[in-house]
All heavy atoms as atom14 arrays in JSON, in Angstrom:
{
  "sequence": "GGGLVQAGGSLRLSCAASGPTLVRSAMGWFRQAPGMEREFVAAITW",
  "atom14_mask": [
    [1, 1, 1, 1, 0, 0, 0, 0, 0, 0, 0, 0, 0, 0],
    [1, 1, 1, 1, 0, 0, 0, 0, 0, 0, 0, 0, 0, 0],
    [1, 1, 1, 1, 0, 0, 0, 0, 0, 0, 0, 0, 0, 0],
    [1, 1, 1, 1, 1, 1, 1, 1, 0, 0, 0, 0, 0, 0],
    [1, 1, 1, 1, 1, 1, 1, 0, 0, 0, 0, 0, 0, 0],
    [1, 1, 1, 1, 1, 1, 1, 1, 1, 0, 0, 0, 0, 0],
    [1, 1, 1, 1, 1, 0, 0, 0, 0, 0, 0, 0, 0, 0],
    [1, 1, 1, 1, 0, 0, 0, 0, 0, 0, 0, 0, 0, 0],
    [1, 1, 1, 1, 0, 0, 0, 0, 0, 0, 0, 0, 0, 0],
    [1, 1, 1, 1, 1, 1, 0, 0, 0, 0, 0, 0, 0, 0],
    [1, 1, 1, 1, 1, 1, 1, 1, 0, 0, 0, 0, 0, 0],
    [1, 1, 1, 1, 1, 1, 1, 1, 1, 1, 1, 0, 0, 0],
    [1, 1, 1, 1, 1, 1, 1, 1, 0, 0, 0, 0, 0, 0],
    [1, 1, 1, 1, 1, 1, 0, 0, 0, 0, 0, 0, 0, 0],
    [1, 1, 1, 1, 1, 1, 0, 0, 0, 0, 0, 0, 0, 0],
    [1, 1, 1, 1, 1, 0, 0, 0, 0, 0, 0, 0, 0, 0],
    [1, 1, 1, 1, 1, 0, 0, 0, 0, 0, 0, 0, 0, 0],
    [1, 1, 1, 1, 1, 1, 0, 0, 0, 0, 0, 0, 0, 0],
    [1, 1, 1, 1, 0, 0, 0, 0, 0, 0, 0, 0, 0, 0],
    [1, 1, 1, 1, 1, 1, 1, 0, 0, 0, 0, 0, 0, 0],
    [1, 1, 1, 1, 1, 1, 1, 0, 0, 0, 0, 0, 0, 0],
    [1, 1, 1, 1, 1, 1, 1, 1, 0, 0, 0, 0, 0, 0],
    [1, 1, 1, 1, 1, 1, 1, 0, 0, 0, 0, 0, 0, 0],
    [1, 1, 1, 1, 1, 1, 1, 1, 1, 1, 1, 0, 0, 0],
    [1, 1, 1, 1, 1, 1, 0, 0, 0, 0, 0, 0, 0, 0],
    [1, 1, 1, 1, 1, 0, 0, 0, 0, 0, 0, 0, 0, 0],
    [1, 1, 1, 1, 1, 1, 1, 1, 0, 0, 0, 0, 0, 0],
    [1, 1, 1, 1, 0, 0, 0, 0, 0, 0, 0, 0, 0, 0],
    [1, 1, 1, 1, 1, 1, 1, 1, 1, 1, 1, 1, 1, 1],
    [1, 1, 1, 1, 1, 1, 1, 1, 1, 1, 1, 0, 0, 0],
    [1, 1, 1, 1, 1, 1, 1, 1, 1, 1, 1, 0, 0, 0],
    [1, 1, 1, 1, 1, 1, 1, 1, 1, 0, 0, 0, 0, 0],
    [1, 1, 1, 1, 1, 0, 0, 0, 0, 0, 0, 0, 0, 0],
    [1, 1, 1, 1, 1, 1, 1, 0, 0, 0, 0, 0, 0, 0],
    [1, 1, 1, 1, 0, 0, 0, 0, 0, 0, 0, 0, 0, 0],
    [1, 1, 1, 1, 1, 1, 1, 1, 0, 0, 0, 0, 0, 0],
    [1, 1, 1, 1, 1, 1, 1, 1, 1, 0, 0, 0, 0, 0],
    [1, 1, 1, 1, 1, 1, 1, 1, 1, 1, 1, 0, 0, 0],
    [1, 1, 1, 1, 1, 1, 1, 1, 1, 0, 0, 0, 0, 0],
    [1, 1, 1, 1, 1, 1, 1, 1, 1, 1, 1, 0, 0, 0],
    [1, 1, 1, 1, 1, 1, 1, 0, 0, 0, 0, 0, 0, 0],
    [1, 1, 1, 1, 1, 0, 0, 0, 0, 0, 0, 0, 0, 0],
    [1, 1, 1, 1, 1, 0, 0, 0, 0, 0, 0, 0, 0, 0],
    [1, 1, 1, 1, 1, 1, 1, 1, 0, 0, 0, 0, 0, 0],
    [1, 1, 1, 1, 1, 1, 1, 0, 0, 0, 0, 0, 0, 0],
    [1, 1, 1, 1, 1, 1, 1, 1, 1, 1, 1, 1, 1, 1]
  ],
  "atom14_positions": [
    [[-16.48, 71.56, -9.6], [-15.97, 72.78, -10.23], [-15.28, 72.44, -11.58], [-14.82, 73.37, -12.33], [0.0, 0.0, 0.0], [0.0, 0.0, 0.0], [0.0, 0.0, 0.0], [0.0, 0.0, 0.0], [0.0, 0.0, 0.0], [0.0, 0.0, 0.0], [0.0, 0.0, 0.0], [0.0, 0.0, 0.0], [0.0, 0.0, 0.0], [0.0, 0.0, 0.0]],
    [[-15.08, 71.23, -11.85], [-14.31, 70.85, -13.12], [-15.23, 71.11, -14.4], [-16.47, 71.39, -14.17], [0.0, 0.0, 0.0], [0.0, 0.0, 0.0], [0.0, 0.0, 0.0], [0.0, 0.0, 0.0], [0.0, 0.0, 0.0], [0.0, 0.0, 0.0], [0.0, 0.0, 0.0], [0.0, 0.0, 0.0], [0.0, 0.0, 0.0], [0.0, 0.0, 0.0]],
    [[-14.59, 71.1, -15.51], [-15.35, 71.27, -16.76], [-14.45, 71.76, -17.87], [-13.37, 71.4, -17.8], [0.0, 0.0, 0.0], [0.0, 0.0, 0.0], [0.0, 0.0, 0.0], [0.0, 0.0, 0.0], [0.0, 0.0, 0.0], [0.0, 0.0, 0.0], [0.0, 0.0, 0.0], [0.0, 0.0, 0.0], [0.0, 0.0, 0.0], [0.0, 0.0, 0.0]],
    [[-15.14, 72.2, -18.94], [-14.4, 72.5, -20.15], [-14.17, 74.11, -20.26], [-15.13, 74.83, -20.0], [-15.2, 72.12, -21.38], [-14.68, 72.42, -22.68], [-13.38, 71.81, -23.06], [-15.65, 72.12, -23.79], [0.0, 0.0, 0.0], [0.0, 0.0, 0.0], [0.0, 0.0, 0.0], [0.0, 0.0, 0.0], [0.0, 0.0, 0.0], [0.0, 0.0, 0.0]],
    [[-12.96, 74.3, -20.41], [-12.62, 75.85, -20.56], [-11.63, 76.04, -21.59], [-10.85, 75.12, -21.95], [-11.99, 76.37, -19.15], [-10.79, 75.65, -18.84], [-11.94, 77.94, -19.25], [0.0, 0.0, 0.0], [0.0, 0.0, 0.0], [0.0, 0.0, 0.0], [0.0, 0.0, 0.0], [0.0, 0.0, 0.0], [0.0, 0.0, 0.0], [0.0, 0.0, 0.0]],
    [[-11.65, 77.22, -22.26], [-10.69, 77.56, -23.36], [-9.3, 77.97, -22.57], [-9.3, 78.46, -21.61], [-11.25, 78.59, -24.17], [-12.41, 78.24, -25.12], [-12.78, 79.4, -26.03], [-12.46, 80.56, -25.75], [-13.35, 78.97, -27.21], [0.0, 0.0, 0.0], [0.0, 0.0, 0.0], [0.0, 0.0, 0.0], [0.0, 0.0, 0.0], [0.0, 0.0, 0.0]],
    [[-8.27, 77.77, -23.49], [-6.95, 78.2, -22.99], [-6.95, 79.75, -22.58], [-7.58, 80.51, -23.31], [-5.91, 77.91, -24.07], [0.0, 0.0, 0.0], [0.0, 0.0, 0.0], [0.0, 0.0, 0.0], [0.0, 0.0, 0.0], [0.0, 0.0, 0.0], [0.0, 0.0, 0.0], [0.0, 0.0, 0.0], [0.0, 0.0, 0.0], [0.0, 0.0, 0.0]],
    [[-6.33, 80.04, -21.4], [-6.3, 81.38, -20.88], [-7.51, 81.63, -19.95], [-7.4, 82.64, -19.22], [0.0, 0.0, 0.0], [0.0, 0.0, 0.0], [0.0, 0.0, 0.0], [0.0, 0.0, 0.0], [0.0, 0.0, 0.0], [0.0, 0.0, 0.0], [0.0, 0.0, 0.0], [0.0, 0.0, 0.0], [0.0, 0.0, 0.0], [0.0, 0.0, 0.0]],
    [[-8.42, 80.66, -19.82], [-9.59, 80.89, -19.04], [-9.27, 80.41, -17.48], [-8.21, 80.0, -17.24], [0.0, 0.0, 0.0], [0.0, 0.0, 0.0], [0.0, 0.0, 0.0], [0.0, 0.0, 0.0], [0.0, 0.0, 0.0], [0.0, 0.0, 0.0], [0.0, 0.0, 0.0], [0.0, 0.0, 0.0], [0.0, 0.0, 0.0], [0.0, 0.0, 0.0]],
    [[-10.3, 80.46, -16.79], [-10.16, 80.03, -15.36], [-11.27, 79.13, -14.9], [-12.33, 79.09, -15.38], [-10.2, 81.43, -14.49], [-9.28, 82.29, -14.83], [0.0, 0.0, 0.0], [0.0, 0.0, 0.0], [0.0, 0.0, 0.0], [0.0, 0.0, 0.0], [0.0, 0.0, 0.0], [0.0, 0.0, 0.0], [0.0, 0.0, 0.0], [0.0, 0.0, 0.0]],
    [[-10.89, 78.42, -13.86], [-11.85, 77.55, -13.15], [-11.46, 77.58, -11.69], [-10.32, 77.84, -11.32], [-11.76, 76.08, -13.62], [-12.35, 75.78, -15.04], [-11.99, 74.29, -15.37], [-13.88, 75.95, -14.95], [0.0, 0.0, 0.0], [0.0, 0.0, 0.0], [0.0, 0.0, 0.0], [0.0, 0.0, 0.0], [0.0, 0.0, 0.0], [0.0, 0.0, 0.0]],
    [[-12.54, 77.28, -10.83], [-12.3, 77.17, -9.4], [-12.69, 75.83, -8.93], [-13.93, 75.43, -9.12], [-13.08, 78.22, -8.65], [-12.88, 78.11, -7.14], [-13.5, 79.26, -6.37], [-14.97, 79.18, -6.56], [-15.86, 80.14, -6.09], [-15.31, 81.25, -5.48], [-17.13, 79.87, -6.19], [0.0, 0.0, 0.0], [0.0, 0.0, 0.0], [0.0, 0.0, 0.0]],
    [[-11.78, 75.01, -8.59], [-12.17, 73.74, -7.95], [-12.48, 73.83, -6.51], [-11.81, 74.46, -5.75], [-11.09, 72.65, -8.23], [-10.7, 72.37, -9.67], [-9.59, 71.46, -9.64], [-11.78, 72.06, -10.53], [0.0, 0.0, 0.0], [0.0, 0.0, 0.0], [0.0, 0.0, 0.0], [0.0, 0.0, 0.0], [0.0, 0.0, 0.0], [0.0, 0.0, 0.0]],
    [[-13.47, 72.94, -5.97], [-13.78, 72.92, -4.59], [-13.69, 71.45, -4.17], [-13.92, 70.61, -4.94], [-15.17, 73.48, -4.27], [-15.21, 74.75, -4.68], [0.0, 0.0, 0.0], [0.0, 0.0, 0.0], [0.0, 0.0, 0.0], [0.0, 0.0, 0.0], [0.0, 0.0, 0.0], [0.0, 0.0, 0.0], [0.0, 0.0, 0.0], [0.0, 0.0, 0.0]],
    [[-13.37, 71.29, -2.9], [-13.35, 69.95, -2.28], [-14.05, 70.04, -0.93], [-13.49, 70.8, -0.09], [-11.96, 69.36, -2.23], [-11.81, 67.87, -1.41], [0.0, 0.0, 0.0], [0.0, 0.0, 0.0], [0.0, 0.0, 0.0], [0.0, 0.0, 0.0], [0.0, 0.0, 0.0], [0.0, 0.0, 0.0], [0.0, 0.0, 0.0], [0.0, 0.0, 0.0]],
    [[-14.99, 69.25, -0.57], [-15.65, 69.25, 0.68], [-15.52, 67.89, 1.22], [-15.83, 66.84, 0.6], [-17.09, 69.64, 0.56], [0.0, 0.0, 0.0], [0.0, 0.0, 0.0], [0.0, 0.0, 0.0], [0.0, 0.0, 0.0], [0.0, 0.0, 0.0], [0.0, 0.0, 0.0], [0.0, 0.0, 0.0], [0.0, 0.0, 0.0], [0.0, 0.0, 0.0]],
    [[-15.15, 67.82, 2.56], [-15.1, 66.61, 3.38], [-16.36, 66.35, 4.13], [-16.91, 67.39, 4.65], [-13.79, 66.63, 4.15], [0.0, 0.0, 0.0], [0.0, 0.0, 0.0], [0.0, 0.0, 0.0], [0.0, 0.0, 0.0], [0.0, 0.0, 0.0], [0.0, 0.0, 0.0], [0.0, 0.0, 0.0], [0.0, 0.0, 0.0], [0.0, 0.0, 0.0]],
    [[-16.74, 65.26, 4.22], [-17.81, 64.78, 4.94], [-17.52, 63.7, 5.88], [-16.43, 62.99, 5.74], [-19.09, 64.37, 4.08], [-18.57, 63.4, 3.33], [0.0, 0.0, 0.0], [0.0, 0.0, 0.0], [0.0, 0.0, 0.0], [0.0, 0.0, 0.0], [0.0, 0.0, 0.0], [0.0, 0.0, 0.0], [0.0, 0.0, 0.0], [0.0, 0.0, 0.0]],
    [[-18.37, 63.34, 6.82], [-18.08, 62.37, 7.87], [-17.28, 63.0, 8.95], [-17.61, 64.04, 9.39], [0.0, 0.0, 0.0], [0.0, 0.0, 0.0], [0.0, 0.0, 0.0], [0.0, 0.0, 0.0], [0.0, 0.0, 0.0], [0.0, 0.0, 0.0], [0.0, 0.0, 0.0], [0.0, 0.0, 0.0], [0.0, 0.0, 0.0], [0.0, 0.0, 0.0]],
    [[-16.43, 62.24, 9.59], [-15.69, 62.83, 10.69], [-14.95, 64.03, 10.36], [-14.42, 64.26, 9.27], [-14.65, 61.68, 11.07], [-15.29, 60.5, 10.57], [-16.02, 60.84, 9.42], [0.0, 0.0, 0.0], [0.0, 0.0, 0.0], [0.0, 0.0, 0.0], [0.0, 0.0, 0.0], [0.0, 0.0, 0.0], [0.0, 0.0, 0.0], [0.0, 0.0, 0.0]],
    [[-14.99, 65.1, 11.21], [-14.31, 66.34, 11.04], [-12.77, 66.17, 10.98], [-12.16, 65.48, 11.82], [-14.66, 67.34, 12.22], [-16.06, 67.47, 12.22], [-13.94, 68.66, 12.0], [0.0, 0.0, 0.0], [0.0, 0.0, 0.0], [0.0, 0.0, 0.0], [0.0, 0.0, 0.0], [0.0, 0.0, 0.0], [0.0, 0.0, 0.0], [0.0, 0.0, 0.0]],
    [[-12.21, 66.79, 9.97], [-10.75, 66.69, 9.83], [-10.14, 67.55, 10.95], [-10.57, 68.64, 11.25], [-10.35, 67.28, 8.43], [-10.71, 66.4, 7.22], [-10.38, 67.26, 5.98], [-10.18, 65.08, 7.25], [0.0, 0.0, 0.0], [0.0, 0.0, 0.0], [0.0, 0.0, 0.0], [0.0, 0.0, 0.0], [0.0, 0.0, 0.0], [0.0, 0.0, 0.0]],
    [[-9.12, 67.0, 11.51], [-8.48, 67.63, 12.59], [-6.97, 67.74, 12.29], [-6.28, 66.65, 12.15], [-8.63, 66.83, 13.92], [-7.81, 67.45, 15.1], [-10.02, 66.72, 14.3], [0.0, 0.0, 0.0], [0.0, 0.0, 0.0], [0.0, 0.0, 0.0], [0.0, 0.0, 0.0], [0.0, 0.0, 0.0], [0.0, 0.0, 0.0], [0.0, 0.0, 0.0]],
    [[-6.37, 68.92, 12.27], [-5.04, 69.22, 11.86], [-4.64, 68.38, 10.63], [-3.57, 67.77, 10.69], [-4.1, 68.98, 13.04], [-4.46, 69.92, 14.17], [-3.32, 69.84, 15.32], [-3.01, 68.46, 15.75], [-3.67, 67.88, 16.59], [-4.82, 68.32, 17.27], [-3.37, 66.56, 17.07], [0.0, 0.0, 0.0], [0.0, 0.0, 0.0], [0.0, 0.0, 0.0]],
    [[-5.43, 68.35, 9.57], [-5.18, 67.62, 8.38], [-4.78, 68.56, 7.22], [-5.48, 69.57, 6.91], [-6.31, 66.91, 7.93], [-6.72, 65.89, 8.94], [0.0, 0.0, 0.0], [0.0, 0.0, 0.0], [0.0, 0.0, 0.0], [0.0, 0.0, 0.0], [0.0, 0.0, 0.0], [0.0, 0.0, 0.0], [0.0, 0.0, 0.0], [0.0, 0.0, 0.0]],
    [[-3.68, 68.35, 6.58], [-3.3, 69.01, 5.33], [-4.27, 68.58, 4.23], [-4.81, 67.41, 4.22], [-1.82, 68.75, 5.05], [0.0, 0.0, 0.0], [0.0, 0.0, 0.0], [0.0, 0.0, 0.0], [0.0, 0.0, 0.0], [0.0, 0.0, 0.0], [0.0, 0.0, 0.0], [0.0, 0.0, 0.0], [0.0, 0.0, 0.0], [0.0, 0.0, 0.0]],
    [[-4.41, 69.42, 3.29], [-5.19, 69.02, 2.13], [-4.51, 69.52, 0.87], [-3.71, 70.43, 0.87], [-6.6, 69.68, 2.13], [-7.49, 69.26, 3.34], [-9.14, 69.81, 3.25], [-9.83, 68.79, 1.94], [0.0, 0.0, 0.0], [0.0, 0.0, 0.0], [0.0, 0.0, 0.0], [0.0, 0.0, 0.0], [0.0, 0.0, 0.0], [0.0, 0.0, 0.0]],
    [[-4.69, 68.73, -0.22], [-4.09, 68.99, -1.44], [-4.79, 68.63, -2.7], [-5.84, 67.97, -2.53], [0.0, 0.0, 0.0], [0.0, 0.0, 0.0], [0.0, 0.0, 0.0], [0.0, 0.0, 0.0], [0.0, 0.0, 0.0], [0.0, 0.0, 0.0], [0.0, 0.0, 0.0], [0.0, 0.0, 0.0], [0.0, 0.0, 0.0], [0.0, 0.0, 0.0]],
    [[-4.11, 68.92, -3.8], [-4.75, 68.61, -5.09], [-3.63, 67.87, -5.98], [-2.47, 68.25, -5.84], [-5.24, 69.8, -5.92], [-6.43, 70.42, -5.31], [-6.43, 71.44, -4.42], [-7.75, 70.23, -5.62], [-7.74, 71.86, -4.11], [-8.56, 71.01, -4.82], [-8.41, 69.25, -6.54], [-9.94, 70.91, -4.89], [-9.72, 69.17, -6.44], [-10.59, 70.07, -5.74]],
    [[-4.11, 66.92, -6.56], [-3.17, 66.04, -7.44], [-4.0, 65.98, -8.76], [-5.21, 66.23, -8.84], [-2.95, 64.63, -6.94], [-2.12, 64.65, -5.7], [-2.69, 65.1, -4.41], [-0.78, 64.32, -5.73], [-1.83, 64.96, -3.32], [0.04, 64.29, -4.48], [-0.5, 64.75, -3.28], [0.0, 0.0, 0.0], [0.0, 0.0, 0.0], [0.0, 0.0, 0.0]],
    [[-3.25, 65.6, -9.85], [-3.92, 65.51, -11.21], [-3.26, 64.3, -11.89], [-2.09, 63.95, -11.77], [-3.87, 66.77, -11.97], [-2.52, 67.18, -12.46], [-2.57, 68.62, -13.12], [-1.2, 69.08, -13.56], [-1.07, 70.18, -14.12], [-2.05, 71.03, -14.19], [0.21, 70.57, -14.51], [0.0, 0.0, 0.0], [0.0, 0.0, 0.0], [0.0, 0.0, 0.0]],
    [[-3.96, 63.77, -12.88], [-3.57, 62.7, -13.7], [-4.09, 62.91, -15.1], [-5.33, 62.91, -15.27], [-3.85, 61.29, -13.15], [-3.32, 60.15, -13.83], [-3.43, 58.84, -13.19], [-4.43, 58.66, -12.31], [-2.72, 57.85, -13.41], [0.0, 0.0, 0.0], [0.0, 0.0, 0.0], [0.0, 0.0, 0.0], [0.0, 0.0, 0.0], [0.0, 0.0, 0.0]],
    [[-3.14, 63.04, -15.98], [-3.6, 63.19, -17.45], [-3.59, 61.85, -18.13], [-2.83, 60.93, -17.61], [-2.62, 64.11, -18.14], [0.0, 0.0, 0.0], [0.0, 0.0, 0.0], [0.0, 0.0, 0.0], [0.0, 0.0, 0.0], [0.0, 0.0, 0.0], [0.0, 0.0, 0.0], [0.0, 0.0, 0.0], [0.0, 0.0, 0.0], [0.0, 0.0, 0.0]],
    [[-4.22, 61.61, -19.24], [-4.23, 60.36, -19.86], [-2.77, 59.84, -20.18], [-1.97, 60.66, -20.78], [-4.98, 60.64, -21.15], [-5.93, 61.74, -20.7], [-5.05, 62.59, -19.94], [0.0, 0.0, 0.0], [0.0, 0.0, 0.0], [0.0, 0.0, 0.0], [0.0, 0.0, 0.0], [0.0, 0.0, 0.0], [0.0, 0.0, 0.0], [0.0, 0.0, 0.0]],
    [[-2.54, 58.68, -19.87], [-1.21, 58.12, -20.15], [0.05, 58.61, -19.26], [1.13, 58.28, -19.5], [0.0, 0.0, 0.0], [0.0, 0.0, 0.0], [0.0, 0.0, 0.0], [0.0, 0.0, 0.0], [0.0, 0.0, 0.0], [0.0, 0.0, 0.0], [0.0, 0.0, 0.0], [0.0, 0.0, 0.0], [0.0, 0.0, 0.0], [0.0, 0.0, 0.0]],
    [[-0.33, 59.4, -18.24], [0.64, 60.03, -17.39], [0.37, 59.5, -15.98], [-0.66, 59.07, -15.51], [0.57, 61.57, -17.48], [0.67, 62.04, -18.78], [2.33, 61.91, -19.46], [3.28, 63.08, -18.43], [0.0, 0.0, 0.0], [0.0, 0.0, 0.0], [0.0, 0.0, 0.0], [0.0, 0.0, 0.0], [0.0, 0.0, 0.0], [0.0, 0.0, 0.0]],
    [[1.48, 59.68, -15.12], [1.43, 59.29, -13.68], [0.78, 60.38, -13.0], [0.69, 61.56, -13.5], [2.81, 59.11, -13.18], [3.57, 58.05, -13.75], [3.08, 56.69, -13.34], [2.48, 56.61, -12.22], [3.21, 55.69, -14.14], [0.0, 0.0, 0.0], [0.0, 0.0, 0.0], [0.0, 0.0, 0.0], [0.0, 0.0, 0.0], [0.0, 0.0, 0.0]],
    [[0.17, 60.09, -11.82], [-0.46, 61.11, -11.1], [0.57, 62.12, -10.45], [1.7, 61.57, -10.04], [-1.4, 60.43, -9.93], [-1.99, 61.42, -9.06], [-2.77, 60.63, -7.91], [-1.86, 60.03, -7.02], [-2.35, 59.12, -6.07], [-3.61, 58.98, -5.9], [-1.57, 58.59, -5.28], [0.0, 0.0, 0.0], [0.0, 0.0, 0.0], [0.0, 0.0, 0.0]],
    [[0.31, 63.33, -10.47], [1.28, 64.33, -10.02], [0.74, 65.19, -9.06], [-0.41, 65.63, -9.0], [1.96, 65.0, -11.31], [0.93, 66.0, -11.97], [1.56, 66.83, -13.08], [2.8, 66.88, -13.06], [0.92, 67.46, -13.83], [0.0, 0.0, 0.0], [0.0, 0.0, 0.0], [0.0, 0.0, 0.0], [0.0, 0.0, 0.0], [0.0, 0.0, 0.0]],
    [[1.6, 65.65, -8.29], [1.3, 66.73, -7.11], [1.08, 68.08, -7.79], [1.78, 68.51, -8.82], [2.34, 66.85, -6.13], [2.27, 67.98, -5.26], [1.38, 67.98, -4.17], [3.06, 69.16, -5.44], [1.29, 69.09, -3.26], [2.82, 70.27, -4.68], [2.05, 70.25, -3.57], [0.0, 0.0, 0.0], [0.0, 0.0, 0.0], [0.0, 0.0, 0.0]],
    [[0.05, 68.79, -7.37], [-0.23, 70.12, -7.88], [-0.12, 71.18, -6.8], [0.58, 72.21, -7.08], [-1.77, 70.1, -8.48], [-2.16, 71.61, -8.97], [-1.89, 69.06, -9.64], [0.0, 0.0, 0.0], [0.0, 0.0, 0.0], [0.0, 0.0, 0.0], [0.0, 0.0, 0.0], [0.0, 0.0, 0.0], [0.0, 0.0, 0.0], [0.0, 0.0, 0.0]],
    [[-0.87, 71.09, -5.75], [-0.81, 71.99, -4.56], [-1.13, 71.45, -3.33], [-1.96, 70.45, -3.32], [-1.69, 73.2, -4.95], [0.0, 0.0, 0.0], [0.0, 0.0, 0.0], [0.0, 0.0, 0.0], [0.0, 0.0, 0.0], [0.0, 0.0, 0.0], [0.0, 0.0, 0.0], [0.0, 0.0, 0.0], [0.0, 0.0, 0.0], [0.0, 0.0, 0.0]],
    [[-0.72, 72.1, -2.29], [-1.09, 71.62, -0.86], [-1.13, 72.85, -0.01], [-0.56, 73.9, -0.22], [-0.15, 70.55, -0.42], [0.0, 0.0, 0.0], [0.0, 0.0, 0.0], [0.0, 0.0, 0.0], [0.0, 0.0, 0.0], [0.0, 0.0, 0.0], [0.0, 0.0, 0.0], [0.0, 0.0, 0.0], [0.0, 0.0, 0.0], [0.0, 0.0, 0.0]],
    [[-1.9, 72.61, 1.24], [-2.02, 73.6, 2.19], [-2.11, 72.92, 3.56], [-2.73, 71.96, 3.74], [-3.12, 74.56, 1.85], [-3.26, 75.68, 2.85], [-4.53, 73.71, 1.91], [-4.3, 76.78, 2.45], [0.0, 0.0, 0.0], [0.0, 0.0, 0.0], [0.0, 0.0, 0.0], [0.0, 0.0, 0.0], [0.0, 0.0, 0.0], [0.0, 0.0, 0.0]],
    [[-1.37, 73.55, 4.44], [-1.57, 73.07, 5.81], [-2.74, 73.15, 6.48], [-3.63, 73.99, 6.09], [-0.45, 73.71, 6.65], [-0.53, 75.1, 6.76], [1.06, 73.34, 6.16], [0.0, 0.0, 0.0], [0.0, 0.0, 0.0], [0.0, 0.0, 0.0], [0.0, 0.0, 0.0], [0.0, 0.0, 0.0], [0.0, 0.0, 0.0], [0.0, 0.0, 0.0]],
    [[-3.0, 72.44, 7.56], [-4.4, 72.49, 8.26], [-4.81, 73.86, 8.72], [-5.84, 74.19, 8.83], [-4.28, 71.49, 9.51], [-3.46, 71.98, 10.58], [-2.16, 71.68, 10.77], [-3.84, 72.74, 11.77], [-1.68, 72.31, 11.97], [-2.67, 72.85, 12.63], [-5.15, 73.18, 12.2], [-2.81, 73.54, 13.75], [-5.19, 73.87, 13.38], [-4.02, 74.06, 14.16]]
  ]
}
């Protein structure tokens, strides 16, 4: 779902897990900009 968008626009990111089924696992999003440390963005409980 990533890509190029103009300021003010919208995007929807998706994440799909494969392999063993996740069981009571929280999931989240992090991001890292050039020259910056990885930072927390959002999370959701299982």
